[in-house]
N, C-alpha and C. Protein backbone atom coordinates (compact mmCIF):
# COMPACT_ATOMS: atom_id res chain seq x y z
N UNK A 1 -28.67 -63.87 -19.49
CA UNK A 1 -29.32 -62.63 -19.12
C UNK A 1 -30.42 -62.26 -20.11
N UNK A 2 -30.27 -62.67 -21.37
CA UNK A 2 -31.25 -62.35 -22.39
C UNK A 2 -32.61 -62.96 -22.12
N UNK A 3 -32.64 -64.16 -21.54
CA UNK A 3 -33.91 -64.82 -21.25
C UNK A 3 -34.66 -64.10 -20.13
N UNK A 4 -33.93 -63.58 -19.17
CA UNK A 4 -34.58 -62.84 -18.08
C UNK A 4 -35.22 -61.58 -18.62
N UNK A 5 -34.51 -60.88 -19.50
CA UNK A 5 -35.07 -59.68 -20.12
C UNK A 5 -36.27 -60.05 -20.98
N UNK A 6 -36.18 -61.17 -21.72
CA UNK A 6 -37.30 -61.61 -22.56
C UNK A 6 -38.53 -61.91 -21.72
N UNK A 7 -38.36 -62.52 -20.56
CA UNK A 7 -39.49 -62.83 -19.70
C UNK A 7 -40.11 -61.56 -19.13
N UNK A 8 -39.28 -60.64 -18.69
CA UNK A 8 -39.80 -59.39 -18.11
C UNK A 8 -40.49 -58.54 -19.17
N UNK A 9 -39.83 -58.33 -20.30
CA UNK A 9 -40.41 -57.52 -21.37
C UNK A 9 -41.65 -58.21 -21.94
N UNK A 10 -41.59 -59.52 -22.10
CA UNK A 10 -42.75 -60.27 -22.59
C UNK A 10 -43.92 -60.18 -21.64
N UNK A 11 -43.65 -60.25 -20.35
CA UNK A 11 -44.73 -60.12 -19.36
C UNK A 11 -45.39 -58.76 -19.40
N UNK A 12 -44.59 -57.72 -19.48
CA UNK A 12 -45.15 -56.36 -19.52
C UNK A 12 -45.90 -56.14 -20.84
N UNK A 13 -45.33 -56.60 -21.95
CA UNK A 13 -46.00 -56.43 -23.25
C UNK A 13 -47.30 -57.22 -23.28
N UNK A 14 -47.31 -58.44 -22.76
CA UNK A 14 -48.53 -59.24 -22.70
C UNK A 14 -49.58 -58.62 -21.81
N UNK A 15 -49.14 -58.06 -20.69
CA UNK A 15 -50.07 -57.40 -19.77
C UNK A 15 -50.70 -56.17 -20.41
N UNK A 16 -49.88 -55.34 -21.06
CA UNK A 16 -50.41 -54.15 -21.73
C UNK A 16 -51.36 -54.54 -22.87
N UNK A 17 -51.01 -55.57 -23.62
CA UNK A 17 -51.89 -56.03 -24.71
C UNK A 17 -53.21 -56.56 -24.16
N UNK A 18 -53.15 -57.28 -23.04
CA UNK A 18 -54.39 -57.81 -22.45
C UNK A 18 -55.27 -56.68 -21.91
N UNK A 19 -54.65 -55.59 -21.45
CA UNK A 19 -55.42 -54.43 -21.01
C UNK A 19 -56.10 -53.76 -22.20
N UNK A 20 -55.38 -53.63 -23.31
CA UNK A 20 -55.95 -53.01 -24.51
C UNK A 20 -57.10 -53.85 -25.07
N UNK A 21 -56.95 -55.17 -25.03
CA UNK A 21 -57.95 -56.07 -25.61
C UNK A 21 -59.02 -56.51 -24.60
N UNK A 22 -59.02 -55.92 -23.42
CA UNK A 22 -59.99 -56.23 -22.36
C UNK A 22 -60.02 -57.71 -21.98
N UNK A 23 -58.85 -58.33 -21.88
CA UNK A 23 -58.73 -59.73 -21.48
C UNK A 23 -57.93 -59.87 -20.19
N UNK A 24 -57.73 -58.78 -19.49
CA UNK A 24 -56.86 -58.80 -18.32
C UNK A 24 -57.41 -59.67 -17.20
N UNK A 25 -58.72 -59.72 -17.04
CA UNK A 25 -59.32 -60.50 -15.95
C UNK A 25 -59.18 -62.00 -16.18
N UNK A 26 -59.08 -62.42 -17.45
CA UNK A 26 -59.04 -63.85 -17.74
C UNK A 26 -57.62 -64.40 -17.88
N UNK A 27 -56.60 -63.56 -17.77
CA UNK A 27 -55.23 -64.01 -17.96
C UNK A 27 -54.42 -63.81 -16.69
N UNK A 28 -53.56 -64.76 -16.40
CA UNK A 28 -52.64 -64.62 -15.29
C UNK A 28 -51.28 -64.17 -15.79
N UNK A 29 -50.33 -64.09 -14.88
CA UNK A 29 -49.00 -63.60 -15.25
C UNK A 29 -48.30 -64.56 -16.21
N UNK A 30 -48.52 -65.87 -16.05
CA UNK A 30 -47.89 -66.84 -16.94
C UNK A 30 -48.34 -66.61 -18.38
N UNK A 31 -49.66 -66.45 -18.57
CA UNK A 31 -50.18 -66.26 -19.92
C UNK A 31 -49.81 -64.89 -20.47
N UNK A 32 -49.66 -63.90 -19.61
CA UNK A 32 -49.17 -62.60 -20.08
C UNK A 32 -47.77 -62.72 -20.65
N UNK A 33 -46.91 -63.48 -19.97
CA UNK A 33 -45.54 -63.69 -20.45
C UNK A 33 -45.55 -64.45 -21.77
N UNK A 34 -46.35 -65.51 -21.84
CA UNK A 34 -46.42 -66.31 -23.06
C UNK A 34 -46.93 -65.48 -24.23
N UNK A 35 -48.01 -64.73 -24.01
CA UNK A 35 -48.57 -63.89 -25.07
C UNK A 35 -47.56 -62.82 -25.48
N UNK A 36 -46.85 -62.24 -24.53
CA UNK A 36 -45.86 -61.21 -24.85
C UNK A 36 -44.71 -61.75 -25.67
N UNK A 37 -44.20 -62.92 -25.33
CA UNK A 37 -43.07 -63.50 -26.06
C UNK A 37 -43.51 -63.95 -27.45
N UNK A 38 -44.65 -64.66 -27.54
CA UNK A 38 -45.14 -65.09 -28.85
C UNK A 38 -45.54 -63.88 -29.68
N UNK A 39 -46.13 -62.88 -29.03
CA UNK A 39 -46.48 -61.65 -29.73
C UNK A 39 -45.26 -60.93 -30.27
N UNK A 40 -44.17 -60.97 -29.55
CA UNK A 40 -42.93 -60.36 -30.02
C UNK A 40 -42.41 -61.08 -31.27
N UNK A 41 -42.47 -62.38 -31.25
CA UNK A 41 -42.04 -63.16 -32.42
C UNK A 41 -42.95 -62.84 -33.60
N UNK A 42 -44.26 -62.82 -33.35
CA UNK A 42 -45.23 -62.51 -34.40
C UNK A 42 -45.03 -61.08 -34.92
N UNK A 43 -44.81 -60.15 -34.01
CA UNK A 43 -44.57 -58.76 -34.40
C UNK A 43 -43.32 -58.60 -35.25
N UNK A 44 -42.27 -59.33 -34.90
CA UNK A 44 -41.04 -59.27 -35.70
C UNK A 44 -41.23 -59.90 -37.07
N UNK A 45 -42.05 -60.94 -37.15
CA UNK A 45 -42.35 -61.55 -38.45
C UNK A 45 -43.14 -60.59 -39.33
N UNK A 46 -44.02 -59.81 -38.72
CA UNK A 46 -44.82 -58.85 -39.47
C UNK A 46 -44.01 -57.60 -39.80
N UNK A 47 -43.35 -57.02 -38.80
CA UNK A 47 -42.66 -55.74 -38.98
C UNK A 47 -41.38 -55.87 -39.80
N UNK A 48 -40.72 -56.99 -39.71
CA UNK A 48 -39.45 -57.15 -40.42
C UNK A 48 -39.60 -57.02 -41.93
N UNK A 49 -40.33 -57.94 -42.57
CA UNK A 49 -40.44 -57.86 -44.04
C UNK A 49 -41.29 -56.70 -44.55
N UNK A 50 -42.37 -56.37 -43.83
CA UNK A 50 -43.28 -55.35 -44.34
C UNK A 50 -42.76 -53.94 -44.15
N UNK A 51 -42.21 -53.66 -42.98
CA UNK A 51 -41.78 -52.30 -42.66
C UNK A 51 -40.28 -52.11 -42.62
N UNK A 52 -39.54 -53.21 -42.63
CA UNK A 52 -38.09 -53.11 -42.55
C UNK A 52 -37.60 -52.76 -41.15
N UNK A 53 -38.45 -53.00 -40.14
CA UNK A 53 -38.09 -52.71 -38.75
C UNK A 53 -37.82 -54.03 -38.05
N UNK A 54 -36.75 -54.08 -37.31
CA UNK A 54 -36.45 -55.28 -36.55
C UNK A 54 -36.17 -54.89 -35.11
N UNK A 55 -36.74 -55.63 -34.20
CA UNK A 55 -36.51 -55.41 -32.78
C UNK A 55 -36.27 -56.73 -32.10
N UNK A 56 -35.50 -56.71 -31.08
CA UNK A 56 -35.20 -57.93 -30.34
C UNK A 56 -35.76 -57.83 -28.94
N UNK A 57 -36.38 -58.91 -28.49
CA UNK A 57 -36.92 -58.90 -27.13
C UNK A 57 -35.82 -59.28 -26.12
N UNK A 58 -34.70 -59.85 -26.60
CA UNK A 58 -33.67 -60.29 -25.69
C UNK A 58 -32.76 -59.16 -25.21
N UNK A 59 -32.76 -58.07 -25.91
CA UNK A 59 -32.05 -56.89 -25.40
C UNK A 59 -33.05 -55.74 -25.50
N UNK A 60 -33.23 -55.03 -24.43
CA UNK A 60 -34.30 -54.05 -24.36
C UNK A 60 -34.05 -52.87 -25.27
N UNK A 61 -35.04 -52.57 -26.09
CA UNK A 61 -35.06 -51.36 -26.90
C UNK A 61 -36.52 -50.93 -27.02
N UNK A 62 -36.74 -49.68 -27.21
CA UNK A 62 -38.10 -49.16 -27.33
C UNK A 62 -38.78 -49.74 -28.57
N UNK A 63 -38.04 -49.86 -29.66
CA UNK A 63 -38.60 -50.42 -30.88
C UNK A 63 -39.04 -51.87 -30.66
N UNK A 64 -38.19 -52.67 -30.04
CA UNK A 64 -38.53 -54.06 -29.75
C UNK A 64 -39.73 -54.18 -28.83
N UNK A 65 -39.81 -53.28 -27.85
CA UNK A 65 -40.91 -53.29 -26.91
C UNK A 65 -42.23 -52.95 -27.61
N UNK A 66 -42.22 -51.94 -28.46
CA UNK A 66 -43.43 -51.56 -29.20
C UNK A 66 -43.86 -52.66 -30.17
N UNK A 67 -42.90 -53.30 -30.82
CA UNK A 67 -43.21 -54.41 -31.71
C UNK A 67 -43.81 -55.56 -30.92
N UNK A 68 -43.30 -55.82 -29.72
CA UNK A 68 -43.84 -56.88 -28.87
C UNK A 68 -45.28 -56.58 -28.47
N UNK A 69 -45.57 -55.33 -28.14
CA UNK A 69 -46.94 -54.96 -27.75
C UNK A 69 -47.89 -55.12 -28.94
N UNK A 70 -47.50 -54.61 -30.11
CA UNK A 70 -48.35 -54.73 -31.29
C UNK A 70 -48.56 -56.19 -31.67
N UNK A 71 -47.51 -56.98 -31.62
CA UNK A 71 -47.63 -58.41 -31.92
C UNK A 71 -48.53 -59.13 -30.94
N UNK A 72 -48.44 -58.77 -29.66
CA UNK A 72 -49.30 -59.39 -28.65
C UNK A 72 -50.76 -58.98 -28.86
N UNK A 73 -51.00 -57.73 -29.26
CA UNK A 73 -52.38 -57.30 -29.55
C UNK A 73 -52.92 -58.07 -30.75
N UNK A 74 -52.12 -58.25 -31.78
CA UNK A 74 -52.55 -59.03 -32.95
C UNK A 74 -52.85 -60.47 -32.53
N UNK A 75 -51.98 -61.05 -31.72
CA UNK A 75 -52.18 -62.42 -31.25
C UNK A 75 -53.47 -62.54 -30.45
N UNK A 76 -53.72 -61.61 -29.54
CA UNK A 76 -54.96 -61.66 -28.76
C UNK A 76 -56.19 -61.42 -29.65
N UNK A 77 -56.06 -60.61 -30.68
CA UNK A 77 -57.16 -60.43 -31.62
C UNK A 77 -57.48 -61.73 -32.35
N UNK A 78 -56.46 -62.47 -32.75
CA UNK A 78 -56.67 -63.76 -33.40
C UNK A 78 -57.32 -64.74 -32.43
N UNK A 79 -56.84 -64.76 -31.17
CA UNK A 79 -57.42 -65.64 -30.16
C UNK A 79 -58.89 -65.29 -29.93
N UNK A 80 -59.22 -63.99 -29.88
CA UNK A 80 -60.61 -63.57 -29.70
C UNK A 80 -61.49 -64.06 -30.85
N UNK A 81 -60.99 -63.97 -32.08
CA UNK A 81 -61.75 -64.44 -33.23
C UNK A 81 -62.00 -65.94 -33.17
N UNK A 82 -60.97 -66.70 -32.80
CA UNK A 82 -61.10 -68.15 -32.72
C UNK A 82 -62.07 -68.53 -31.60
N UNK A 83 -61.93 -67.92 -30.45
CA UNK A 83 -62.82 -68.24 -29.33
C UNK A 83 -64.26 -67.83 -29.61
N UNK A 84 -64.46 -66.72 -30.26
CA UNK A 84 -65.82 -66.28 -30.58
C UNK A 84 -66.46 -67.25 -31.56
N UNK A 85 -65.69 -67.79 -32.50
CA UNK A 85 -66.24 -68.75 -33.46
C UNK A 85 -66.62 -70.06 -32.80
N UNK A 86 -65.88 -70.50 -31.77
CA UNK A 86 -66.20 -71.74 -31.08
C UNK A 86 -67.38 -71.62 -30.15
N UNK A 87 -67.44 -70.53 -29.43
CA UNK A 87 -68.46 -70.37 -28.39
C UNK A 87 -69.82 -70.14 -29.01
N UNK A 88 -69.90 -69.34 -30.05
CA UNK A 88 -71.21 -68.99 -30.62
C UNK A 88 -71.48 -69.72 -31.88
């Protein structure tokens, strides 16, 4: 059951992050899920040691959801920097 929650929460977090970063038109639902799940892992790596906050994407909590969104935004920011460096 945890994987189903991770996919749903990851998809919503990735979608919200892509809306914030203006990348919604270039991403499909698969990439929204991937960005949300990887963003959650990245967010937990950042928030855990620095802020002492831990959230899990496998069981729904507001803290975990917010960490997933912030991590996905950071991930998309890194992707934007890498893509901008290659294209121009």
